[in-house]
Amino acid sequence: YIKNSQHFVEKAGQIPIEPGDLLVSFDVVSLFTNVPIDDA
């Protein structure tokens, strides 16, 4: 759970990083229009 950008910066600053780690972002394609209402 991330509340906002400031919360994210605080949590990210606590992650120990190693040289081979990759920073990645995943983005859901059109989340709101694709959330299945019956399943939700």
ModelCIF file with pLDDT and N, C-alpha, C, O atoms, coordinates in Angstrom:
data_MODEL
#
_entry.id   MODEL 
#
_entity.id                         1 
_entity.type                       polymer 
_entity.pdbx_number_of_molecules   1 
#
_entity_poly.entity_id                      1 
_entity_poly.type                           'polypeptide(L)' 
_entity_poly.nstd_linkage                   no 
_entity_poly.nstd_monomer                   no 
_entity_poly.pdbx_seq_one_letter_code       YIKNSQHFVEKAGQIPIEPGDLLVSFDVVSLFTNVPIDDA 
_entity_poly.pdbx_seq_one_letter_code_can   YIKNSQHFVEKAGQIPIEPGDLLVSFDVVSLFTNVPIDDA 
_entity_poly.pdbx_strand_id                 A 
#
loop_
_entity_poly_seq.entity_id 
_entity_poly_seq.num 
_entity_poly_seq.mon_id 
_entity_poly_seq.hetero 
1 1  TYR n 
1 2  ILE n 
1 3  LYS n 
1 4  ASN n 
1 5  SER n 
1 6  GLN n 
1 7  HIS n 
1 8  PHE n 
1 9  VAL n 
1 10 GLU n 
1 11 LYS n 
1 12 ALA n 
1 13 GLY n 
1 14 GLN n 
1 15 ILE n 
1 16 PRO n 
1 17 ILE n 
1 18 GLU n 
1 19 PRO n 
1 20 GLY n 
1 21 ASP n 
1 22 LEU n 
1 23 LEU n 
1 24 VAL n 
1 25 SER n 
1 26 PHE n 
1 27 ASP n 
1 28 VAL n 
1 29 VAL n 
1 30 SER n 
1 31 LEU n 
1 32 PHE n 
1 33 THR n 
1 34 ASN n 
1 35 VAL n 
1 36 PRO n 
1 37 ILE n 
1 38 ASP n 
1 39 ASP n 
1 40 ALA n 
#
_struct_asym.id          A 
_struct_asym.entity_id   1 
#
loop_
_ma_qa_metric.id 
_ma_qa_metric.mode 
_ma_qa_metric.name 
_ma_qa_metric.software_group_id 
_ma_qa_metric.type 
1 global pLDDT . pLDDT 
2 local  pLDDT . pLDDT 
#
_ma_qa_metric_global.metric_id      1 
_ma_qa_metric_global.metric_value   92.62 
_ma_qa_metric_global.model_id       1 
_ma_qa_metric_global.ordinal_id     1 
#
loop_
_ma_qa_metric_local.label_asym_id 
_ma_qa_metric_local.label_comp_id 
_ma_qa_metric_local.label_seq_id 
_ma_qa_metric_local.metric_id 
_ma_qa_metric_local.metric_value 
_ma_qa_metric_local.model_id 
_ma_qa_metric_local.ordinal_id 
A TYR 1  2 93.00 1 1  
A ILE 2  2 92.00 1 2  
A LYS 3  2 90.00 1 3  
A ASN 4  2 89.00 1 4  
A SER 5  2 89.00 1 5  
A GLN 6  2 90.00 1 6  
A HIS 7  2 93.00 1 7  
A PHE 8  2 93.00 1 8  
A VAL 9  2 92.00 1 9  
A GLU 10 2 92.00 1 10 
A LYS 11 2 92.00 1 11 
A ALA 12 2 92.00 1 12 
A GLY 13 2 91.00 1 13 
A GLN 14 2 92.00 1 14 
A ILE 15 2 93.00 1 15 
A PRO 16 2 91.00 1 16 
A ILE 17 2 93.00 1 17 
A GLU 18 2 93.00 1 18 
A PRO 19 2 90.00 1 19 
A GLY 20 2 92.00 1 20 
A ASP 21 2 95.00 1 21 
A LEU 22 2 96.00 1 22 
A LEU 23 2 97.00 1 23 
A VAL 24 2 97.00 1 24 
A SER 25 2 96.00 1 25 
A PHE 26 2 97.00 1 26 
A ASP 27 2 93.00 1 27 
A VAL 28 2 95.00 1 28 
A VAL 29 2 90.00 1 29 
A SER 30 2 87.00 1 30 
A LEU 31 2 91.00 1 31 
A PHE 32 2 90.00 1 32 
A THR 33 2 88.00 1 33 
A ASN 34 2 91.00 1 34 
A VAL 35 2 94.00 1 35 
A PRO 36 2 94.00 1 36 
A ILE 37 2 95.00 1 37 
A ASP 38 2 95.00 1 38 
A ASP 39 2 96.00 1 39 
A ALA 40 2 96.00 1 40 
#
loop_
_atom_site.group_PDB 
_atom_site.id 
_atom_site.type_symbol 
_atom_site.label_atom_id 
_atom_site.label_alt_id 
_atom_site.label_comp_id 
_atom_site.label_asym_id 
_atom_site.label_entity_id 
_atom_site.label_seq_id 
_atom_site.pdbx_PDB_ins_code 
_atom_site.Cartn_x 
_atom_site.Cartn_y 
_atom_site.Cartn_z 
_atom_site.occupancy 
_atom_site.B_iso_or_equiv 
_atom_site.pdbx_formal_charge 
_atom_site.auth_seq_id 
_atom_site.auth_comp_id 
_atom_site.auth_asym_id 
_atom_site.auth_atom_id 
_atom_site.pdbx_PDB_model_num 
ATOM 1   N N  . TYR A 1 1  ? 0.814   -1.214  0.000   1.00 93.00 ? 1  TYR A N  1 
ATOM 2   C CA . TYR A 1 1  ? 0.000   0.000   0.000   1.00 93.00 ? 1  TYR A CA 1 
ATOM 3   C C  . TYR A 1 1  ? 0.846   1.260   0.000   1.00 93.00 ? 1  TYR A C  1 
ATOM 4   O O  . TYR A 1 1  ? 1.762   1.409   0.809   1.00 93.00 ? 1  TYR A O  1 
ATOM 5   N N  . ILE A 1 2  ? 0.524   2.177   -0.928  1.00 92.00 ? 2  ILE A N  1 
ATOM 6   C CA . ILE A 1 2  ? 1.163   3.491   -1.012  1.00 92.00 ? 2  ILE A CA 1 
ATOM 7   C C  . ILE A 1 2  ? 0.070   4.546   -0.933  1.00 92.00 ? 2  ILE A C  1 
ATOM 8   O O  . ILE A 1 2  ? -0.861  4.540   -1.737  1.00 92.00 ? 2  ILE A O  1 
ATOM 9   N N  . LYS A 1 3  ? 0.180   5.448   0.031   1.00 90.00 ? 3  LYS A N  1 
ATOM 10  C CA . LYS A 1 3  ? -0.832  6.484   0.230   1.00 90.00 ? 3  LYS A CA 1 
ATOM 11  C C  . LYS A 1 3  ? -0.658  7.647   -0.735  1.00 90.00 ? 3  LYS A C  1 
ATOM 12  O O  . LYS A 1 3  ? -1.637  8.167   -1.270  1.00 90.00 ? 3  LYS A O  1 
ATOM 13  N N  . ASN A 1 4  ? 0.586   8.055   -0.958  1.00 89.00 ? 4  ASN A N  1 
ATOM 14  C CA . ASN A 1 4  ? 0.883   9.185   -1.838  1.00 89.00 ? 4  ASN A CA 1 
ATOM 15  C C  . ASN A 1 4  ? 2.378   9.170   -2.150  1.00 89.00 ? 4  ASN A C  1 
ATOM 16  O O  . ASN A 1 4  ? 3.093   8.253   -1.744  1.00 89.00 ? 4  ASN A O  1 
ATOM 17  N N  . SER A 1 5  ? 2.845   10.180  -2.868  1.00 89.00 ? 5  SER A N  1 
ATOM 18  C CA . SER A 1 5  ? 4.248   10.217  -3.286  1.00 89.00 ? 5  SER A CA 1 
ATOM 19  C C  . SER A 1 5  ? 5.196   10.283  -2.101  1.00 89.00 ? 5  SER A C  1 
ATOM 20  O O  . SER A 1 5  ? 6.230   9.616   -2.091  1.00 89.00 ? 5  SER A O  1 
ATOM 21  N N  . GLN A 1 6  ? 4.847   11.083  -1.103  1.00 90.00 ? 6  GLN A N  1 
ATOM 22  C CA . GLN A 1 6  ? 5.715   11.212  0.071   1.00 90.00 ? 6  GLN A CA 1 
ATOM 23  C C  . GLN A 1 6  ? 5.839   9.889   0.803   1.00 90.00 ? 6  GLN A C  1 
ATOM 24  O O  . GLN A 1 6  ? 6.927   9.507   1.234   1.00 90.00 ? 6  GLN A O  1 
ATOM 25  N N  . HIS A 1 7  ? 4.713   9.188   0.941   1.00 93.00 ? 7  HIS A N  1 
ATOM 26  C CA . HIS A 1 7  ? 4.729   7.876   1.577   1.00 93.00 ? 7  HIS A CA 1 
ATOM 27  C C  . HIS A 1 7  ? 5.625   6.912   0.798   1.00 93.00 ? 7  HIS A C  1 
ATOM 28  O O  . HIS A 1 7  ? 6.376   6.135   1.387   1.00 93.00 ? 7  HIS A O  1 
ATOM 29  N N  . PHE A 1 8  ? 5.534   6.975   -0.543  1.00 93.00 ? 8  PHE A N  1 
ATOM 30  C CA . PHE A 1 8  ? 6.374   6.119   -1.375  1.00 93.00 ? 8  PHE A CA 1 
ATOM 31  C C  . PHE A 1 8  ? 7.861   6.415   -1.170  1.00 93.00 ? 8  PHE A C  1 
ATOM 32  O O  . PHE A 1 8  ? 8.661   5.491   -1.027  1.00 93.00 ? 8  PHE A O  1 
ATOM 33  N N  . VAL A 1 9  ? 8.237   7.700   -1.154  1.00 92.00 ? 9  VAL A N  1 
ATOM 34  C CA . VAL A 1 9  ? 9.640   8.075   -0.967  1.00 92.00 ? 9  VAL A CA 1 
ATOM 35  C C  . VAL A 1 9  ? 10.164  7.540   0.367   1.00 92.00 ? 9  VAL A C  1 
ATOM 36  O O  . VAL A 1 9  ? 11.292  7.055   0.452   1.00 92.00 ? 9  VAL A O  1 
ATOM 37  N N  . GLU A 1 10 ? 9.328   7.636   1.413   1.00 92.00 ? 10 GLU A N  1 
ATOM 38  C CA . GLU A 1 10 ? 9.734   7.134   2.727   1.00 92.00 ? 10 GLU A CA 1 
ATOM 39  C C  . GLU A 1 10 ? 9.963   5.630   2.699   1.00 92.00 ? 10 GLU A C  1 
ATOM 40  O O  . GLU A 1 10 ? 10.954  5.149   3.249   1.00 92.00 ? 10 GLU A O  1 
ATOM 41  N N  . LYS A 1 11 ? 9.064   4.878   2.069   1.00 92.00 ? 11 LYS A N  1 
ATOM 42  C CA . LYS A 1 11 ? 9.197   3.424   2.034   1.00 92.00 ? 11 LYS A CA 1 
ATOM 43  C C  . LYS A 1 11 ? 10.338  2.989   1.125   1.00 92.00 ? 11 LYS A C  1 
ATOM 44  O O  . LYS A 1 11 ? 11.074  2.056   1.446   1.00 92.00 ? 11 LYS A O  1 
ATOM 45  N N  . ALA A 1 12 ? 10.484  3.677   -0.026  1.00 92.00 ? 12 ALA A N  1 
ATOM 46  C CA . ALA A 1 12 ? 11.556  3.311   -0.956  1.00 92.00 ? 12 ALA A CA 1 
ATOM 47  C C  . ALA A 1 12 ? 12.928  3.544   -0.330  1.00 92.00 ? 12 ALA A C  1 
ATOM 48  O O  . ALA A 1 12 ? 13.864  2.790   -0.598  1.00 92.00 ? 12 ALA A O  1 
ATOM 49  N N  . GLY A 1 13 ? 13.058  4.573   0.497   1.00 91.00 ? 13 GLY A N  1 
ATOM 50  C CA . GLY A 1 13 ? 14.343  4.866   1.127   1.00 91.00 ? 13 GLY A CA 1 
ATOM 51  C C  . GLY A 1 13 ? 14.807  3.808   2.109   1.00 91.00 ? 13 GLY A C  1 
ATOM 52  O O  . GLY A 1 13 ? 15.966  3.806   2.524   1.00 91.00 ? 13 GLY A O  1 
ATOM 53  N N  . GLN A 1 14 ? 13.907  2.907   2.485   1.00 92.00 ? 14 GLN A N  1 
ATOM 54  C CA . GLN A 1 14 ? 14.248  1.853   3.445   1.00 92.00 ? 14 GLN A CA 1 
ATOM 55  C C  . GLN A 1 14 ? 14.644  0.539   2.769   1.00 92.00 ? 14 GLN A C  1 
ATOM 56  O O  . GLN A 1 14 ? 14.963  -0.441  3.442   1.00 92.00 ? 14 GLN A O  1 
ATOM 57  N N  . ILE A 1 15 ? 14.622  0.526   1.422   1.00 93.00 ? 15 ILE A N  1 
ATOM 58  C CA . ILE A 1 15 ? 14.920  -0.720  0.705   1.00 93.00 ? 15 ILE A CA 1 
ATOM 59  C C  . ILE A 1 15 ? 16.424  -0.861  0.510   1.00 93.00 ? 15 ILE A C  1 
ATOM 60  O O  . ILE A 1 15 ? 17.043  0.032   -0.068  1.00 93.00 ? 15 ILE A O  1 
ATOM 61  N N  . PRO A 1 16 ? 17.036  -1.955  0.974   1.00 91.00 ? 16 PRO A N  1 
ATOM 62  C CA . PRO A 1 16 ? 18.458  -2.192  0.689   1.00 91.00 ? 16 PRO A CA 1 
ATOM 63  C C  . PRO A 1 16 ? 18.651  -2.611  -0.763  1.00 91.00 ? 16 PRO A C  1 
ATOM 64  O O  . PRO A 1 16 ? 17.978  -3.526  -1.238  1.00 91.00 ? 16 PRO A O  1 
ATOM 65  N N  . ILE A 1 17 ? 19.556  -1.957  -1.464  1.00 93.00 ? 17 ILE A N  1 
ATOM 66  C CA . ILE A 1 17 ? 19.769  -2.198  -2.888  1.00 93.00 ? 17 ILE A CA 1 
ATOM 67  C C  . ILE A 1 17 ? 21.120  -2.876  -3.109  1.00 93.00 ? 17 ILE A C  1 
ATOM 68  O O  . ILE A 1 17 ? 22.114  -2.532  -2.470  1.00 93.00 ? 17 ILE A O  1 
ATOM 69  N N  . GLU A 1 18 ? 21.136  -3.856  -4.035  1.00 93.00 ? 18 GLU A N  1 
ATOM 70  C CA . GLU A 1 18 ? 22.374  -4.518  -4.441  1.00 93.00 ? 18 GLU A CA 1 
ATOM 71  C C  . GLU A 1 18 ? 22.688  -4.143  -5.893  1.00 93.00 ? 18 GLU A C  1 
ATOM 72  O O  . GLU A 1 18 ? 21.782  -3.760  -6.634  1.00 93.00 ? 18 GLU A O  1 
ATOM 73  N N  . PRO A 1 19 ? 23.965  -4.248  -6.315  1.00 90.00 ? 19 PRO A N  1 
ATOM 74  C CA . PRO A 1 19 ? 24.361  -3.777  -7.652  1.00 90.00 ? 19 PRO A CA 1 
ATOM 75  C C  . PRO A 1 19 ? 23.558  -4.376  -8.806  1.00 90.00 ? 19 PRO A C  1 
ATOM 76  O O  . PRO A 1 19 ? 23.314  -3.680  -9.792  1.00 90.00 ? 19 PRO A O  1 
ATOM 77  N N  . GLY A 1 20 ? 23.145  -5.623  -8.722  1.00 92.00 ? 20 GLY A N  1 
ATOM 78  C CA . GLY A 1 20 ? 22.443  -6.251  -9.834  1.00 92.00 ? 20 GLY A CA 1 
ATOM 79  C C  . GLY A 1 20 ? 20.944  -6.040  -9.839  1.00 92.00 ? 20 GLY A C  1 
ATOM 80  O O  . GLY A 1 20 ? 20.264  -6.540  -10.735 1.00 92.00 ? 20 GLY A O  1 
ATOM 81  N N  . ASP A 1 21 ? 20.406  -5.318  -8.872  1.00 95.00 ? 21 ASP A N  1 
ATOM 82  C CA . ASP A 1 21 ? 18.955  -5.107  -8.792  1.00 95.00 ? 21 ASP A CA 1 
ATOM 83  C C  . ASP A 1 21 ? 18.458  -4.231  -9.946  1.00 95.00 ? 21 ASP A C  1 
ATOM 84  O O  . ASP A 1 21 ? 19.169  -3.347  -10.425 1.00 95.00 ? 21 ASP A O  1 
ATOM 85  N N  . LEU A 1 22 ? 17.250  -4.490  -10.370 1.00 96.00 ? 22 LEU A N  1 
ATOM 86  C CA . LEU A 1 22 ? 16.609  -3.679  -11.413 1.00 96.00 ? 22 LEU A CA 1 
ATOM 87  C C  . LEU A 1 22 ? 15.439  -2.909  -10.808 1.00 96.00 ? 22 LEU A C  1 
ATOM 88  O O  . LEU A 1 22 ? 14.648  -3.455  -10.040 1.00 96.00 ? 22 LEU A O  1 
ATOM 89  N N  . LEU A 1 23 ? 15.348  -1.623  -11.173 1.00 97.00 ? 23 LEU A N  1 
ATOM 90  C CA . LEU A 1 23 ? 14.191  -0.819  -10.791 1.00 97.00 ? 23 LEU A CA 1 
ATOM 91  C C  . LEU A 1 23 ? 13.176  -0.893  -11.926 1.00 97.00 ? 23 LEU A C  1 
ATOM 92  O O  . LEU A 1 23 ? 13.504  -0.607  -13.078 1.00 97.00 ? 23 LEU A O  1 
ATOM 93  N N  . VAL A 1 24 ? 11.951  -1.276  -11.603 1.00 97.00 ? 24 VAL A N  1 
ATOM 94  C CA . VAL A 1 24 ? 10.937  -1.550  -12.622 1.00 97.00 ? 24 VAL A CA 1 
ATOM 95  C C  . VAL A 1 24 ? 9.622   -0.905  -12.204 1.00 97.00 ? 24 VAL A C  1 
ATOM 96  O O  . VAL A 1 24 ? 9.297   -0.842  -11.018 1.00 97.00 ? 24 VAL A O  1 
ATOM 97  N N  . SER A 1 25 ? 8.868   -0.425  -13.194 1.00 96.00 ? 25 SER A N  1 
ATOM 98  C CA . SER A 1 25 ? 7.501   -0.002  -12.916 1.00 96.00 ? 25 SER A CA 1 
ATOM 99  C C  . SER A 1 25 ? 6.555   -0.781  -13.816 1.00 96.00 ? 25 SER A C  1 
ATOM 100 O O  . SER A 1 25 ? 6.803   -0.937  -15.012 1.00 96.00 ? 25 SER A O  1 
ATOM 101 N N  . PHE A 1 26 ? 5.468   -1.267  -13.228 1.00 97.00 ? 26 PHE A N  1 
ATOM 102 C CA . PHE A 1 26 ? 4.395   -1.933  -13.961 1.00 97.00 ? 26 PHE A CA 1 
ATOM 103 C C  . PHE A 1 26 ? 3.169   -1.021  -13.936 1.00 97.00 ? 26 PHE A C  1 
ATOM 104 O O  . PHE A 1 26 ? 2.841   -0.434  -12.905 1.00 97.00 ? 26 PHE A O  1 
ATOM 105 N N  . ASP A 1 27 ? 2.509   -0.913  -15.066 1.00 93.00 ? 27 ASP A N  1 
ATOM 106 C CA . ASP A 1 27 ? 1.334   -0.052  -15.185 1.00 93.00 ? 27 ASP A CA 1 
ATOM 107 C C  . ASP A 1 27 ? 0.183   -0.874  -15.744 1.00 93.00 ? 27 ASP A C  1 
ATOM 108 O O  . ASP A 1 27 ? 0.311   -1.462  -16.818 1.00 93.00 ? 27 ASP A O  1 
ATOM 109 N N  . VAL A 1 28 ? -0.944  -0.925  -15.033 1.00 95.00 ? 28 VAL A N  1 
ATOM 110 C CA . VAL A 1 28 ? -2.111  -1.645  -15.529 1.00 95.00 ? 28 VAL A CA 1 
ATOM 111 C C  . VAL A 1 28 ? -2.758  -0.830  -16.650 1.00 95.00 ? 28 VAL A C  1 
ATOM 112 O O  . VAL A 1 28 ? -2.994  0.369   -16.503 1.00 95.00 ? 28 VAL A O  1 
ATOM 113 N N  . VAL A 1 29 ? -3.036  -1.486  -17.751 1.00 90.00 ? 29 VAL A N  1 
ATOM 114 C CA . VAL A 1 29 ? -3.655  -0.815  -18.893 1.00 90.00 ? 29 VAL A CA 1 
ATOM 115 C C  . VAL A 1 29 ? -5.115  -0.495  -18.561 1.00 90.00 ? 29 VAL A C  1 
ATOM 116 O O  . VAL A 1 29 ? -5.930  -1.399  -18.379 1.00 90.00 ? 29 VAL A O  1 
ATOM 117 N N  . SER A 1 30 ? -5.437  0.810   -18.482 1.00 87.00 ? 30 SER A N  1 
ATOM 118 C CA . SER A 1 30 ? -6.818  1.269   -18.255 1.00 87.00 ? 30 SER A CA 1 
ATOM 119 C C  . SER A 1 30 ? -7.482  0.488   -17.128 1.00 87.00 ? 30 SER A C  1 
ATOM 120 O O  . SER A 1 30 ? -8.481  -0.199  -17.345 1.00 87.00 ? 30 SER A O  1 
ATOM 121 N N  . LEU A 1 31 ? -6.925  0.596   -15.927 1.00 91.00 ? 31 LEU A N  1 
ATOM 122 C CA . LEU A 1 31 ? -7.406  -0.209  -14.801 1.00 91.00 ? 31 LEU A CA 1 
ATOM 123 C C  . LEU A 1 31 ? -8.902  -0.042  -14.549 1.00 91.00 ? 31 LEU A C  1 
ATOM 124 O O  . LEU A 1 31 ? -9.633  -1.031  -14.480 1.00 91.00 ? 31 LEU A O  1 
ATOM 125 N N  . PHE A 1 32 ? -9.363  1.204   -14.411 1.00 90.00 ? 32 PHE A N  1 
ATOM 126 C CA . PHE A 1 32 ? -10.736 1.411   -13.976 1.00 90.00 ? 32 PHE A CA 1 
ATOM 127 C C  . PHE A 1 32 ? -11.747 0.817   -14.956 1.00 90.00 ? 32 PHE A C  1 
ATOM 128 O O  . PHE A 1 32 ? -12.736 0.211   -14.544 1.00 90.00 ? 32 PHE A O  1 
ATOM 129 N N  . THR A 1 33 ? -11.497 0.994   -16.244 1.00 88.00 ? 33 THR A N  1 
ATOM 130 C CA . THR A 1 33 ? -12.439 0.458   -17.228 1.00 88.00 ? 33 THR A CA 1 
ATOM 131 C C  . THR A 1 33 ? -12.272 -1.046  -17.431 1.00 88.00 ? 33 THR A C  1 
ATOM 132 O O  . THR A 1 33 ? -13.064 -1.663  -18.143 1.00 88.00 ? 33 THR A O  1 
ATOM 133 N N  . ASN A 1 34 ? -11.253 -1.639  -16.814 1.00 91.00 ? 34 ASN A N  1 
ATOM 134 C CA . ASN A 1 34 ? -11.017 -3.074  -16.993 1.00 91.00 ? 34 ASN A CA 1 
ATOM 135 C C  . ASN A 1 34 ? -11.231 -3.899  -15.733 1.00 91.00 ? 34 ASN A C  1 
ATOM 136 O O  . ASN A 1 34 ? -11.211 -5.129  -15.797 1.00 91.00 ? 34 ASN A O  1 
ATOM 137 N N  . VAL A 1 35 ? -11.436 -3.253  -14.585 1.00 94.00 ? 35 VAL A N  1 
ATOM 138 C CA . VAL A 1 35 ? -11.732 -4.032  -13.377 1.00 94.00 ? 35 VAL A CA 1 
ATOM 139 C C  . VAL A 1 35 ? -13.061 -4.759  -13.580 1.00 94.00 ? 35 VAL A C  1 
ATOM 140 O O  . VAL A 1 35 ? -14.080 -4.106  -13.808 1.00 94.00 ? 35 VAL A O  1 
ATOM 141 N N  . PRO A 1 36 ? -13.078 -6.081  -13.503 1.00 94.00 ? 36 PRO A N  1 
ATOM 142 C CA . PRO A 1 36 ? -14.322 -6.831  -13.718 1.00 94.00 ? 36 PRO A CA 1 
ATOM 143 C C  . PRO A 1 36 ? -15.254 -6.661  -12.526 1.00 94.00 ? 36 PRO A C  1 
ATOM 144 O O  . PRO A 1 36 ? -14.921 -7.072  -11.415 1.00 94.00 ? 36 PRO A O  1 
ATOM 145 N N  . ILE A 1 37 ? -16.402 -6.066  -12.744 1.00 95.00 ? 37 ILE A N  1 
ATOM 146 C CA . ILE A 1 37 ? -17.295 -5.712  -11.631 1.00 95.00 ? 37 ILE A CA 1 
ATOM 147 C C  . ILE A 1 37 ? -17.792 -6.953  -10.900 1.00 95.00 ? 37 ILE A C  1 
ATOM 148 O O  . ILE A 1 37 ? -17.854 -6.949  -9.671  1.00 95.00 ? 37 ILE A O  1 
ATOM 149 N N  . ASP A 1 38 ? -18.148 -8.013  -11.621 1.00 95.00 ? 38 ASP A N  1 
ATOM 150 C CA . ASP A 1 38 ? -18.643 -9.230  -10.967 1.00 95.00 ? 38 ASP A CA 1 
ATOM 151 C C  . ASP A 1 38 ? -17.570 -9.850  -10.074 1.00 95.00 ? 38 ASP A C  1 
ATOM 152 O O  . ASP A 1 38 ? -17.855 -10.245 -8.943  1.00 95.00 ? 38 ASP A O  1 
ATOM 153 N N  . ASP A 1 39 ? -16.346 -9.935  -10.576 1.00 96.00 ? 39 ASP A N  1 
ATOM 154 C CA . ASP A 1 39 ? -15.258 -10.522 -9.786  1.00 96.00 ? 39 ASP A CA 1 
ATOM 155 C C  . ASP A 1 39 ? -14.942 -9.656  -8.568  1.00 96.00 ? 39 ASP A C  1 
ATOM 156 O O  . ASP A 1 39 ? -14.761 -10.164 -7.461  1.00 96.00 ? 39 ASP A O  1 
ATOM 157 N N  . ALA A 1 40 ? -14.879 -8.344  -8.786  1.00 96.00 ? 40 ALA A N  1 
ATOM 158 C CA . ALA A 1 40 ? -14.604 -7.435  -7.669  1.00 96.00 ? 40 ALA A CA 1 
ATOM 159 C C  . ALA A 1 40 ? -15.710 -7.521  -6.623  1.00 96.00 ? 40 ALA A C  1 
ATOM 160 O O  . ALA A 1 40 ? -15.655 -6.829  -5.607  1.00 96.00 ? 40 ALA A O  1 
#
